[in-house]
Amino acid sequence: MNRDIIAGKWNQIKGQAKARWGDLTDDVFDVSEGNAEYLAGKLQERYGWERERAEREVREFEKTLN
């Protein structure tokens, strides 16, 4: 699934993202609206991950949506 589709279906996908990254708030998911870069930044901030790991987490999540 490409990023445009993810952004378009974000309200449907948001529940899956919440289950995966439960430490992020609803506000983070609402603001991100499927924006992978924003989401990776918030993962990095909240979990203390390096940028590469946060981006990898988002890519792996995207793969589960196919």
N, C-alpha and C. Protein backbone atom coordinates (compact mmCIF):
# COMPACT_ATOMS: atom_id res chain seq x y z
N MET A 1 0.85 -1.16 0.00
CA MET A 1 0.00 0.00 0.00
C MET A 1 0.90 1.23 0.00
N ASN A 2 0.64 2.14 -0.91
CA ASN A 2 1.51 3.31 -0.95
C ASN A 2 1.07 4.37 0.05
N ARG A 3 1.92 5.34 0.26
CA ARG A 3 1.68 6.32 1.32
C ARG A 3 0.47 7.19 1.05
N ASP A 4 0.13 7.44 -0.21
CA ASP A 4 -1.07 8.23 -0.50
C ASP A 4 -2.32 7.47 -0.07
N ILE A 5 -2.33 6.18 -0.29
CA ILE A 5 -3.48 5.37 0.12
C ILE A 5 -3.57 5.32 1.64
N ILE A 6 -2.42 5.19 2.30
CA ILE A 6 -2.42 5.17 3.76
C ILE A 6 -3.00 6.47 4.30
N ALA A 7 -2.57 7.59 3.76
CA ALA A 7 -3.09 8.87 4.21
C ALA A 7 -4.59 8.96 3.97
N GLY A 8 -5.06 8.45 2.85
CA GLY A 8 -6.47 8.50 2.52
C GLY A 8 -7.33 7.62 3.40
N LYS A 9 -6.78 6.53 3.87
CA LYS A 9 -7.54 5.59 4.71
C LYS A 9 -7.10 5.65 6.17
N TRP A 10 -6.48 6.75 6.55
CA TRP A 10 -5.87 6.84 7.87
C TRP A 10 -6.85 6.57 9.00
N ASN A 11 -8.08 7.05 8.92
CA ASN A 11 -9.04 6.82 10.00
C ASN A 11 -9.29 5.33 10.21
N GLN A 12 -9.27 4.55 9.15
CA GLN A 12 -9.47 3.11 9.25
C GLN A 12 -8.23 2.41 9.80
N ILE A 13 -7.07 2.90 9.42
CA ILE A 13 -5.80 2.28 9.78
C ILE A 13 -5.32 2.70 11.17
N LYS A 14 -5.82 3.83 11.64
CA LYS A 14 -5.35 4.42 12.89
C LYS A 14 -5.45 3.44 14.07
N GLY A 15 -6.47 2.64 14.11
CA GLY A 15 -6.62 1.67 15.20
C GLY A 15 -5.49 0.65 15.23
N GLN A 16 -5.05 0.23 14.05
CA GLN A 16 -3.94 -0.72 13.98
C GLN A 16 -2.65 -0.06 14.46
N ALA A 17 -2.47 1.20 14.11
CA ALA A 17 -1.28 1.94 14.53
C ALA A 17 -1.30 2.13 16.05
N LYS A 18 -2.46 2.42 16.61
CA LYS A 18 -2.57 2.58 18.06
C LYS A 18 -2.22 1.29 18.78
N ALA A 19 -2.66 0.17 18.23
CA ALA A 19 -2.35 -1.11 18.85
C ALA A 19 -0.85 -1.40 18.82
N ARG A 20 -0.19 -0.99 17.77
CA ARG A 20 1.24 -1.25 17.62
C ARG A 20 2.08 -0.32 18.50
N TRP A 21 1.70 0.95 18.56
CA TRP A 21 2.47 1.94 19.30
C TRP A 21 1.57 2.59 20.35
N GLY A 22 1.22 1.83 21.36
CA GLY A 22 0.27 2.27 22.37
C GLY A 22 0.70 3.46 23.20
N ASP A 23 1.99 3.76 23.21
CA ASP A 23 2.46 4.90 24.00
C ASP A 23 2.23 6.24 23.32
N LEU A 24 1.83 6.22 22.07
CA LEU A 24 1.53 7.48 21.37
C LEU A 24 0.08 7.86 21.65
N THR A 25 -0.16 9.14 21.76
CA THR A 25 -1.50 9.61 22.09
C THR A 25 -2.39 9.69 20.84
N ASP A 26 -3.67 9.80 21.09
CA ASP A 26 -4.62 9.98 19.99
C ASP A 26 -4.29 11.24 19.20
N ASP A 27 -3.86 12.27 19.90
CA ASP A 27 -3.50 13.52 19.23
C ASP A 27 -2.40 13.32 18.20
N VAL A 28 -1.41 12.51 18.53
CA VAL A 28 -0.32 12.24 17.59
C VAL A 28 -0.88 11.59 16.33
N PHE A 29 -1.75 10.61 16.51
CA PHE A 29 -2.33 9.93 15.35
C PHE A 29 -3.24 10.86 14.55
N ASP A 30 -3.97 11.70 15.24
CA ASP A 30 -4.85 12.65 14.54
C ASP A 30 -4.05 13.66 13.72
N VAL A 31 -2.98 14.17 14.30
CA VAL A 31 -2.16 15.16 13.60
C VAL A 31 -1.40 14.52 12.45
N SER A 32 -0.92 13.31 12.65
CA SER A 32 -0.08 12.67 11.62
C SER A 32 -0.87 12.38 10.35
N GLU A 33 -2.14 12.01 10.48
CA GLU A 33 -3.00 11.69 9.34
C GLU A 33 -2.28 10.85 8.30
N GLY A 34 -1.50 9.88 8.77
CA GLY A 34 -0.82 8.97 7.85
C GLY A 34 0.51 9.48 7.33
N ASN A 35 0.97 10.63 7.80
CA ASN A 35 2.26 11.17 7.36
C ASN A 35 3.38 10.35 8.01
N ALA A 36 4.07 9.55 7.20
CA ALA A 36 5.08 8.63 7.70
C ALA A 36 6.24 9.34 8.37
N GLU A 37 6.66 10.47 7.83
CA GLU A 37 7.78 11.20 8.42
C GLU A 37 7.42 11.76 9.79
N TYR A 38 6.25 12.31 9.90
CA TYR A 38 5.79 12.86 11.19
C TYR A 38 5.69 11.73 12.21
N LEU A 39 5.10 10.62 11.80
CA LEU A 39 4.92 9.49 12.70
C LEU A 39 6.27 8.94 13.15
N ALA A 40 7.21 8.82 12.25
CA ALA A 40 8.55 8.35 12.61
C ALA A 40 9.20 9.31 13.61
N GLY A 41 9.02 10.59 13.40
CA GLY A 41 9.56 11.57 14.34
C GLY A 41 8.98 11.43 15.72
N LYS A 42 7.68 11.20 15.80
CA LYS A 42 7.03 11.03 17.10
C LYS A 42 7.45 9.72 17.76
N LEU A 43 7.65 8.67 16.97
CA LEU A 43 8.15 7.41 17.52
C LEU A 43 9.55 7.61 18.09
N GLN A 44 10.35 8.32 17.36
CA GLN A 44 11.72 8.60 17.81
C GLN A 44 11.69 9.38 19.13
N GLU A 45 10.84 10.37 19.19
CA GLU A 45 10.73 11.21 20.38
C GLU A 45 10.21 10.43 21.58
N ARG A 46 9.13 9.68 21.39
CA ARG A 46 8.46 9.00 22.50
C ARG A 46 9.24 7.79 23.01
N TYR A 47 9.78 6.99 22.08
CA TYR A 47 10.44 5.75 22.47
C TYR A 47 11.96 5.90 22.60
N GLY A 48 12.49 7.05 22.21
CA GLY A 48 13.93 7.26 22.31
C GLY A 48 14.73 6.48 21.28
N TRP A 49 14.09 6.12 20.18
CA TRP A 49 14.76 5.36 19.12
C TRP A 49 15.57 6.28 18.24
N GLU A 50 16.57 5.69 17.58
CA GLU A 50 17.29 6.42 16.56
C GLU A 50 16.37 6.60 15.36
N ARG A 51 16.66 7.59 14.54
CA ARG A 51 15.80 7.90 13.38
C ARG A 51 15.63 6.67 12.48
N GLU A 52 16.72 5.94 12.24
CA GLU A 52 16.65 4.75 11.37
C GLU A 52 15.66 3.73 11.89
N ARG A 53 15.67 3.49 13.21
CA ARG A 53 14.75 2.50 13.76
C ARG A 53 13.31 2.97 13.64
N ALA A 54 13.07 4.24 13.92
CA ALA A 54 11.71 4.77 13.82
C ALA A 54 11.19 4.66 12.39
N GLU A 55 12.02 4.99 11.42
CA GLU A 55 11.61 4.88 10.02
C GLU A 55 11.38 3.42 9.63
N ARG A 56 12.21 2.53 10.14
CA ARG A 56 12.04 1.10 9.86
C ARG A 56 10.73 0.58 10.44
N GLU A 57 10.40 1.02 11.65
CA GLU A 57 9.13 0.63 12.27
C GLU A 57 7.95 1.05 11.40
N VAL A 58 7.99 2.27 10.88
CA VAL A 58 6.90 2.77 10.04
C VAL A 58 6.84 1.96 8.74
N ARG A 59 7.99 1.69 8.13
CA ARG A 59 8.01 0.88 6.89
C ARG A 59 7.44 -0.51 7.14
N GLU A 60 7.82 -1.13 8.26
CA GLU A 60 7.31 -2.46 8.59
C GLU A 60 5.80 -2.42 8.81
N PHE A 61 5.32 -1.37 9.43
CA PHE A 61 3.89 -1.21 9.62
C PHE A 61 3.18 -1.09 8.28
N GLU A 62 3.75 -0.30 7.37
CA GLU A 62 3.16 -0.14 6.05
C GLU A 62 3.05 -1.49 5.34
N LYS A 63 4.05 -2.34 5.50
CA LYS A 63 4.04 -3.66 4.85
C LYS A 63 2.91 -4.53 5.37
N THR A 64 2.56 -4.38 6.64
CA THR A 64 1.48 -5.21 7.21
C THR A 64 0.12 -4.82 6.66
N LEU A 65 0.04 -3.66 6.01
CA LEU A 65 -1.23 -3.17 5.49
C LEU A 65 -1.55 -3.70 4.11
N ASN A 66 -0.61 -4.36 3.47
CA ASN A 66 -0.83 -4.87 2.10
C ASN A 66 -1.78 -6.02 2.07
